[in-house]
Amino acid sequence: MFGIVRPCRHRLCGNLHAAWLAHLCGLCLTLRDEHGHAARLVTNYDGLLVSVLLEAQSAGRSPHRRAAPCALRGFRGADVVDARSEGARLAASVSLVLAAGKMRDHVQDRDGVFARRVPAGHVAGLVAGRWADAGARTGRLIGFDTAVLTEAIGRQADLERDTDRGLLDLTEPTETAVAAAFAHTAALAGKPHNAESLAEAGRHFGRLAHLLDAVEDLHDDRSRGAFNPLTATGTDLARARRHCDDALAGLRLAVADLDLEDSRLTTALLVREVGESVDRVFAAAHDPQALHVPGNVPGPGLGCLSATPGGCAGVARKPKGKKKGKRKGSGNCGDGCGCDGNCCDCNCNC
């Protein structure tokens, strides 16, 4: 699983974490139901945001069902978004196409196992082709043309070969792709007046995703001599942080302009959690040991899903001399964090 929005139950109030998990598991199961078990490999945290956006605009367009127990949920059942939901299908379509592009990029750059074009590179190319075709088929069923994604992926490669491009020129394809996916949720929800603000939110989120990925990969890319947009454009971490802060401000304004039936989860993810991601990535860039606090490794199951890609940044070390108490953020809204019951509109960072 990959992506920059990685909420855990230690930061996100219980009912909102369950709602987020319904979209994550719904995306995974939609990929399985529509394209087979292997397609579940493309499940990612950011792809499910379009499912969240559709439900926030029109809950009636996002049916749920009860899912069977799953090992990744500690062998528990769960309420999940059904594969009939157009939001889950859009998330699956986007995830498949972008994963195909990412895999082809690894093959072209001969990263890791893909350095040997045969058999690993050849097989990966075939898998990427199947994923791209599957994503296009699913997109057509809900009126979404994935060509905007594939064209952006192709344009990205061309831009990276041009040494005269600036940093924001390099983030443009990602911005365009995410803007198209976000805006399409307005059409699916029957709220076309949201399309402009959704596209704006998508552009800012796409810029953030691209920049944060570059910051996370900076050390490894330098050591391997691989392309990184920051080194290619001579951008230092301070300037990259300013670009991220500007994009975060634009994202928050765009989200505030949306006409939503229920804004709580959308605000929690696209405002609070994206802000947490920016802080987390730059803290790790300045001090790689900052987020690796001994004793903060979560146990098995879904106690903290963010443990999957990079550890839980939401569990604070317990102060000495304090009595044991209920962990903040582990229950419903208001449990130990001073929220007024809304939980998305407070800044308690529980």
Protein backbone atom coordinates (compact mmCIF):
# COMPACT_ATOMS: atom_id res chain seq x y z
CA MET A 1 0.00 0.00 0.00
CA PHE A 2 1.33 3.43 -0.88
CA GLY A 3 0.12 7.00 -0.59
CA ILE A 4 0.59 10.08 1.57
CA VAL A 5 -2.70 9.97 3.52
CA ARG A 6 -2.15 7.31 6.19
CA PRO A 7 -4.50 7.90 9.13
CA CYS A 8 -4.43 5.62 12.15
CA ARG A 9 -6.74 5.16 15.09
CA HIS A 10 -4.33 7.05 17.33
CA ARG A 11 -5.04 10.29 15.45
CA LEU A 12 -8.42 9.74 13.82
CA CYS A 13 -11.46 9.36 16.06
CA GLY A 14 -12.93 5.86 16.15
CA ASN A 15 -16.00 6.33 13.98
CA LEU A 16 -14.08 8.28 11.32
CA HIS A 17 -11.29 5.70 11.25
CA ALA A 18 -13.94 3.01 10.70
CA ALA A 19 -15.43 5.09 7.88
CA TRP A 20 -12.00 5.47 6.25
CA LEU A 21 -11.38 1.75 6.64
CA ALA A 22 -14.69 1.04 4.88
CA HIS A 23 -13.35 2.83 1.80
CA LEU A 24 -9.91 1.18 2.00
CA CYS A 25 -11.34 -2.34 2.29
CA GLY A 26 -14.00 -1.46 -0.26
CA LEU A 27 -11.32 -0.51 -2.80
CA CYS A 28 -9.37 -3.70 -2.12
CA LEU A 29 -12.47 -5.90 -2.49
CA THR A 30 -13.66 -4.03 -5.58
CA LEU A 31 -10.32 -4.73 -7.23
CA ARG A 32 -10.70 -8.39 -6.29
CA ASP A 33 -14.30 -8.68 -7.48
CA GLU A 34 -13.76 -6.79 -10.72
CA HIS A 35 -10.25 -7.89 -11.70
CA GLY A 36 -9.13 -10.86 -9.60
CA HIS A 37 -7.01 -11.33 -6.49
CA ALA A 38 -3.76 -10.13 -8.09
CA ALA A 39 -5.27 -6.71 -8.73
CA ARG A 40 -5.49 -6.12 -4.98
CA LEU A 41 -1.75 -5.40 -5.10
CA VAL A 42 -2.52 -1.91 -6.44
CA THR A 43 -4.59 -0.95 -3.38
CA ASN A 44 -3.29 2.38 -2.10
CA TYR A 45 -4.22 5.00 0.44
CA ASP A 46 -4.61 7.94 -1.92
CA GLY A 47 -6.67 6.17 -4.57
CA LEU A 48 -9.55 5.68 -2.15
CA LEU A 49 -9.94 9.45 -1.72
CA VAL A 50 -12.20 9.61 -4.78
CA SER A 51 -14.47 7.05 -3.11
CA VAL A 52 -14.54 9.25 0.00
CA LEU A 53 -15.32 12.34 -2.09
CA LEU A 54 -18.24 10.68 -3.88
CA GLU A 55 -19.82 9.51 -0.63
CA ALA A 56 -19.29 12.92 0.97
CA GLN A 57 -21.26 14.53 -1.86
CA SER A 58 -23.98 11.88 -2.13
CA ALA A 59 -24.16 9.05 0.40
CA GLY A 60 -26.89 7.38 -1.67
CA ARG A 61 -24.39 6.80 -4.50
CA SER A 62 -22.10 4.83 -2.18
CA PRO A 63 -23.80 1.61 -1.02
CA HIS A 64 -22.16 -0.43 1.73
CA ARG A 65 -22.19 -4.12 2.63
CA ARG A 66 -20.89 -6.42 5.35
CA ALA A 67 -17.60 -8.05 4.38
CA ALA A 68 -16.37 -11.42 5.59
CA PRO A 69 -13.44 -11.70 8.03
CA CYS A 70 -10.03 -10.81 6.58
CA ALA A 71 -6.52 -11.49 7.86
CA LEU A 72 -5.58 -7.82 7.42
CA ARG A 73 -8.45 -6.89 9.76
CA GLY A 74 -7.39 -9.40 12.41
CA PHE A 75 -9.91 -11.91 11.01
CA ARG A 76 -12.82 -9.61 11.73
CA GLY A 77 -15.71 -8.71 9.48
CA ALA A 78 -16.35 -5.08 8.60
CA ASP A 79 -18.69 -2.62 6.97
CA VAL A 80 -17.20 -1.77 3.55
CA VAL A 81 -18.11 0.23 0.47
CA ASP A 82 -19.70 -2.15 -2.02
CA ALA A 83 -18.20 -2.83 -5.45
CA ARG A 84 -21.41 -1.44 -6.95
CA SER A 85 -20.38 2.01 -5.76
CA GLU A 86 -19.17 4.19 -8.61
CA GLY A 87 -16.75 5.80 -6.20
CA ALA A 88 -15.09 2.46 -5.44
CA ARG A 89 -14.96 1.69 -9.17
CA LEU A 90 -13.38 5.05 -9.94
CA ALA A 91 -10.83 4.43 -7.19
CA ALA A 92 -10.08 1.01 -8.66
CA SER A 93 -9.72 2.42 -12.18
CA VAL A 94 -7.35 5.18 -11.08
CA SER A 95 -5.31 2.82 -8.90
CA LEU A 96 -4.85 0.29 -11.70
CA VAL A 97 -3.76 2.82 -14.32
CA LEU A 98 -1.36 4.68 -12.02
CA ALA A 99 0.13 1.43 -10.68
CA ALA A 100 0.70 0.30 -14.28
CA GLY A 101 2.52 3.55 -15.01
CA LYS A 102 4.61 3.22 -11.87
CA MET A 103 5.62 -0.33 -12.74
CA ARG A 104 6.56 0.64 -16.30
CA ASP A 105 8.66 3.46 -14.87
CA HIS A 106 10.54 0.98 -12.67
CA VAL A 107 11.14 -1.28 -15.67
CA GLN A 108 12.41 1.63 -17.76
CA ASP A 109 14.71 2.80 -14.95
CA ARG A 110 15.79 -0.82 -14.31
CA ASP A 111 15.18 -0.50 -10.58
CA GLY A 112 15.94 -3.46 -8.33
CA VAL A 113 14.70 -6.77 -9.71
CA PHE A 114 13.66 -4.96 -12.88
CA ALA A 115 17.31 -4.43 -13.77
CA ARG A 116 17.13 -7.82 -15.45
CA ARG A 117 14.75 -7.28 -18.34
CA VAL A 118 14.23 -11.02 -18.67
CA PRO A 119 12.34 -12.45 -17.01
CA ALA A 120 11.39 -9.87 -14.34
CA GLY A 121 11.18 -6.83 -16.61
CA HIS A 122 9.27 -8.70 -19.30
CA VAL A 123 6.72 -10.11 -16.84
CA ALA A 124 6.31 -6.74 -15.16
CA GLY A 125 5.60 -5.14 -18.52
CA LEU A 126 2.88 -7.67 -19.24
CA VAL A 127 1.30 -7.16 -15.81
CA ALA A 128 1.39 -3.38 -16.25
CA GLY A 129 -0.37 -3.75 -19.60
CA ARG A 130 -3.12 -5.86 -18.07
CA TRP A 131 -3.61 -3.40 -15.22
CA ALA A 132 -3.83 -0.44 -17.59
CA ASP A 133 -6.41 -2.24 -19.77
CA ALA A 134 -8.43 -3.28 -16.72
CA GLY A 135 -8.43 0.26 -15.37
CA ALA A 136 -9.58 1.62 -18.73
CA ARG A 137 -12.46 -0.88 -18.87
CA THR A 138 -13.67 0.01 -15.40
CA GLY A 139 -13.33 3.71 -16.18
CA ARG A 140 -15.50 3.39 -19.28
CA LEU A 141 -18.29 1.80 -17.22
CA ILE A 142 -18.55 4.96 -15.10
CA GLY A 143 -17.85 7.48 -17.87
CA PHE A 144 -14.25 8.21 -16.90
CA ASP A 145 -11.67 8.34 -19.69
CA THR A 146 -8.39 7.07 -18.27
CA ALA A 147 -6.53 8.56 -21.24
CA VAL A 148 -6.01 11.68 -19.13
CA LEU A 149 -4.01 9.52 -16.72
CA THR A 150 -1.97 7.66 -19.32
CA GLU A 151 -1.21 10.89 -21.19
CA ALA A 152 -0.03 12.48 -17.94
CA ILE A 153 2.25 9.52 -17.26
CA GLY A 154 3.74 9.77 -20.74
CA ARG A 155 4.17 13.53 -20.45
CA GLN A 156 5.96 13.08 -17.13
CA ALA A 157 8.69 11.01 -18.77
CA ASP A 158 9.17 13.66 -21.48
CA LEU A 159 9.40 16.46 -18.93
CA GLU A 160 12.01 14.61 -16.90
CA ARG A 161 14.25 14.38 -19.94
CA ASP A 162 14.11 18.17 -20.40
CA THR A 163 16.79 19.68 -18.18
CA ASP A 164 15.40 23.21 -18.52
CA ARG A 165 12.14 22.52 -16.69
CA GLY A 166 11.30 24.01 -13.30
CA LEU A 167 10.01 22.07 -10.31
CA LEU A 168 6.35 22.97 -10.83
CA ASP A 169 6.62 22.00 -14.50
CA LEU A 170 7.54 18.52 -13.30
CA THR A 171 4.59 18.28 -10.92
CA GLU A 172 2.05 19.36 -13.57
CA PRO A 173 1.21 15.88 -14.96
CA THR A 174 0.41 14.56 -11.48
CA GLU A 175 -1.67 17.64 -10.75
CA THR A 176 -3.63 17.20 -13.99
CA ALA A 177 -4.28 13.50 -13.40
CA VAL A 178 -5.51 13.93 -9.83
CA ALA A 179 -7.62 16.95 -10.78
CA ALA A 180 -9.43 14.89 -13.43
CA ALA A 181 -10.15 12.03 -11.01
CA PHE A 182 -11.38 14.33 -8.24
CA ALA A 183 -13.57 16.36 -10.60
CA HIS A 184 -15.24 13.25 -12.01
CA THR A 185 -16.74 12.51 -8.59
CA ALA A 186 -18.92 15.61 -9.05
CA ALA A 187 -20.44 14.11 -12.20
CA LEU A 188 -21.00 10.77 -10.49
CA ALA A 189 -22.60 12.45 -7.47
CA GLY A 190 -24.89 14.61 -9.60
CA LYS A 191 -23.28 17.82 -8.30
CA PRO A 192 -21.58 19.40 -11.34
CA HIS A 193 -21.18 22.70 -9.48
CA ASN A 194 -18.52 20.99 -7.34
CA ALA A 195 -16.35 20.09 -10.34
CA GLU A 196 -14.25 23.27 -10.39
CA SER A 197 -13.41 23.19 -6.68
CA LEU A 198 -12.72 19.45 -6.85
CA ALA A 199 -10.34 19.96 -9.76
CA GLU A 200 -8.58 22.69 -7.79
CA ALA A 201 -8.32 20.40 -4.76
CA GLY A 202 -6.97 17.67 -7.01
CA ARG A 203 -4.29 19.92 -8.47
CA HIS A 204 -3.06 20.92 -5.03
CA PHE A 205 -3.20 17.35 -3.74
CA GLY A 206 -1.35 16.09 -6.82
CA ARG A 207 1.39 18.65 -6.30
CA LEU A 208 1.72 17.61 -2.66
CA ALA A 209 1.82 13.92 -3.52
CA HIS A 210 4.55 14.47 -6.12
CA LEU A 211 6.66 16.68 -3.88
CA LEU A 212 6.36 14.50 -0.80
CA ASP A 213 7.28 11.44 -2.85
CA ALA A 214 10.36 13.31 -4.06
CA VAL A 215 11.34 14.29 -0.52
CA GLU A 216 10.88 10.73 0.76
CA ASP A 217 12.99 9.31 -2.08
CA LEU A 218 15.65 12.02 -2.03
CA HIS A 219 18.32 10.11 -0.11
CA ASP A 220 17.87 6.85 -1.99
CA ASP A 221 17.74 8.59 -5.37
CA ARG A 222 20.97 10.43 -4.63
CA SER A 223 22.75 7.25 -3.56
CA ARG A 224 21.61 5.41 -6.71
CA GLY A 225 22.10 8.33 -9.06
CA ALA A 226 18.41 8.14 -9.99
CA PHE A 227 16.26 11.03 -11.18
CA ASN A 228 14.65 13.14 -8.47
CA PRO A 229 12.77 16.37 -9.24
CA LEU A 230 14.40 18.19 -6.33
CA THR A 231 17.99 17.48 -7.34
CA ALA A 232 17.16 17.93 -11.03
CA THR A 233 15.88 21.46 -10.42
CA GLY A 234 18.29 22.41 -7.63
CA THR A 235 15.47 22.69 -5.09
CA ASP A 236 16.48 22.45 -1.43
CA LEU A 237 14.24 21.14 1.35
CA ALA A 238 13.33 24.63 2.60
CA ARG A 239 12.02 25.68 -0.80
CA ALA A 240 10.24 22.33 -1.27
CA ARG A 241 8.54 22.87 2.10
CA ARG A 242 7.34 26.31 1.01
CA HIS A 243 5.79 24.79 -2.12
CA CYS A 244 4.07 22.16 0.03
CA ASP A 245 2.74 24.75 2.47
CA ASP A 246 1.34 26.81 -0.40
CA ALA A 247 -0.32 23.73 -1.91
CA LEU A 248 -1.72 22.74 1.46
CA ALA A 249 -3.27 26.19 1.89
CA GLY A 250 -4.85 25.96 -1.58
CA LEU A 251 -6.15 22.47 -0.85
CA ARG A 252 -7.83 23.63 2.34
CA LEU A 253 -9.53 26.53 0.56
CA ALA A 254 -10.78 24.26 -2.23
CA VAL A 255 -12.18 21.73 0.23
CA ALA A 256 -13.95 24.52 2.13
CA ASP A 257 -15.73 25.54 -1.11
CA LEU A 258 -17.26 22.10 -1.69
CA ASP A 259 -20.97 21.39 -1.34
CA LEU A 260 -20.92 18.20 0.75
CA GLU A 261 -23.65 16.27 2.55
CA ASP A 262 -21.13 15.16 5.16
CA SER A 263 -17.75 16.89 5.29
CA ARG A 264 -16.26 15.17 8.35
CA LEU A 265 -14.14 12.41 6.77
CA THR A 266 -13.16 14.55 3.77
CA THR A 267 -11.95 17.33 6.05
CA ALA A 268 -10.14 14.89 8.33
CA LEU A 269 -8.25 13.34 5.41
CA LEU A 270 -7.63 16.23 3.02
CA VAL A 271 -7.01 18.90 5.64
CA ARG A 272 -5.72 17.37 8.86
CA GLU A 273 -4.10 14.17 7.61
CA VAL A 274 -2.44 15.74 4.58
CA GLY A 275 -0.99 18.37 6.91
CA GLU A 276 0.28 15.60 9.17
CA SER A 277 1.87 13.94 6.14
CA VAL A 278 3.76 17.10 5.23
CA ASP A 279 5.10 17.43 8.77
CA ARG A 280 6.01 13.73 8.95
CA VAL A 281 7.86 13.59 5.63
CA PHE A 282 9.93 16.71 6.24
CA ALA A 283 10.73 15.68 9.81
CA ALA A 284 12.06 12.38 8.49
CA ALA A 285 13.99 14.16 5.72
CA HIS A 286 15.80 16.34 8.26
CA ASP A 287 16.24 13.54 10.81
CA PRO A 288 15.69 9.98 9.51
CA GLN A 289 15.54 8.68 13.12
CA ALA A 290 12.90 11.18 14.22
CA LEU A 291 9.96 8.86 13.61
CA HIS A 292 11.57 5.64 14.84
CA VAL A 293 10.88 5.85 18.56
CA PRO A 294 11.59 2.58 20.44
CA GLY A 295 8.46 0.97 21.77
CA ASN A 296 6.19 2.59 19.23
CA VAL A 297 5.80 -0.46 17.02
CA PRO A 298 2.10 -1.38 16.79
CA GLY A 299 0.93 -4.93 17.26
CA PRO A 300 -0.60 -7.16 14.57
CA GLY A 301 -3.93 -6.46 12.94
CA LEU A 302 -5.37 -3.06 12.05
CA GLY A 303 -4.64 -1.29 15.29
CA CYS A 304 -2.65 1.14 13.16
CA LEU A 305 -2.77 0.73 9.41
CA SER A 306 -0.08 3.35 8.93
CA ALA A 307 2.34 0.78 10.30
CA THR A 308 2.20 -1.02 6.96
CA PRO A 309 4.32 1.42 4.91
CA GLY A 310 6.17 3.47 7.46
CA GLY A 311 5.35 3.04 11.11
CA CYS A 312 2.84 4.82 13.29
CA ALA A 313 3.63 8.48 13.79
CA GLY A 314 0.48 8.92 15.85
CA VAL A 315 1.51 7.06 19.03
CA ALA A 316 3.30 9.31 21.47
CA ARG A 317 5.64 7.95 24.11
CA LYS A 318 3.85 7.93 27.46
CA PRO A 319 5.25 10.51 29.91
CA LYS A 320 6.90 9.07 33.00
CA GLY A 321 5.09 9.31 36.29
CA LYS A 322 1.63 9.45 34.73
CA LYS A 323 -1.02 6.90 35.57
CA LYS A 324 -2.24 4.64 32.85
CA GLY A 325 -5.31 5.92 31.10
CA LYS A 326 -7.29 5.58 27.93
CA ARG A 327 -5.21 6.33 24.85
CA LYS A 328 -6.37 9.46 23.12
CA GLY A 329 -8.11 8.96 19.84
CA SER A 330 -8.77 5.28 20.43
CA GLY A 331 -12.49 5.58 20.96
CA ASN A 332 -15.36 7.68 19.70
CA CYS A 333 -15.39 11.43 19.12
CA GLY A 334 -14.50 13.35 22.23
CA ASP A 335 -12.68 10.52 24.01
CA GLY A 336 -9.84 12.29 25.73
CA CYS A 337 -9.21 14.87 23.02
CA GLY A 338 -11.58 17.67 23.93
CA CYS A 339 -13.55 17.45 20.69
CA ASP A 340 -17.07 18.78 20.68
CA GLY A 341 -18.42 15.64 18.99
CA ASN A 342 -17.62 16.85 15.48
CA CYS A 343 -14.02 15.65 15.57
CA CYS A 344 -13.16 16.94 12.12
CA ASP A 345 -13.45 20.59 13.01
CA CYS A 346 -11.18 20.55 16.04
CA ASN A 347 -7.40 20.94 16.05
CA CYS A 348 -6.70 18.80 19.10
CA ASN A 349 -4.65 16.32 17.04
CA CYS A 350 -5.85 13.53 19.31
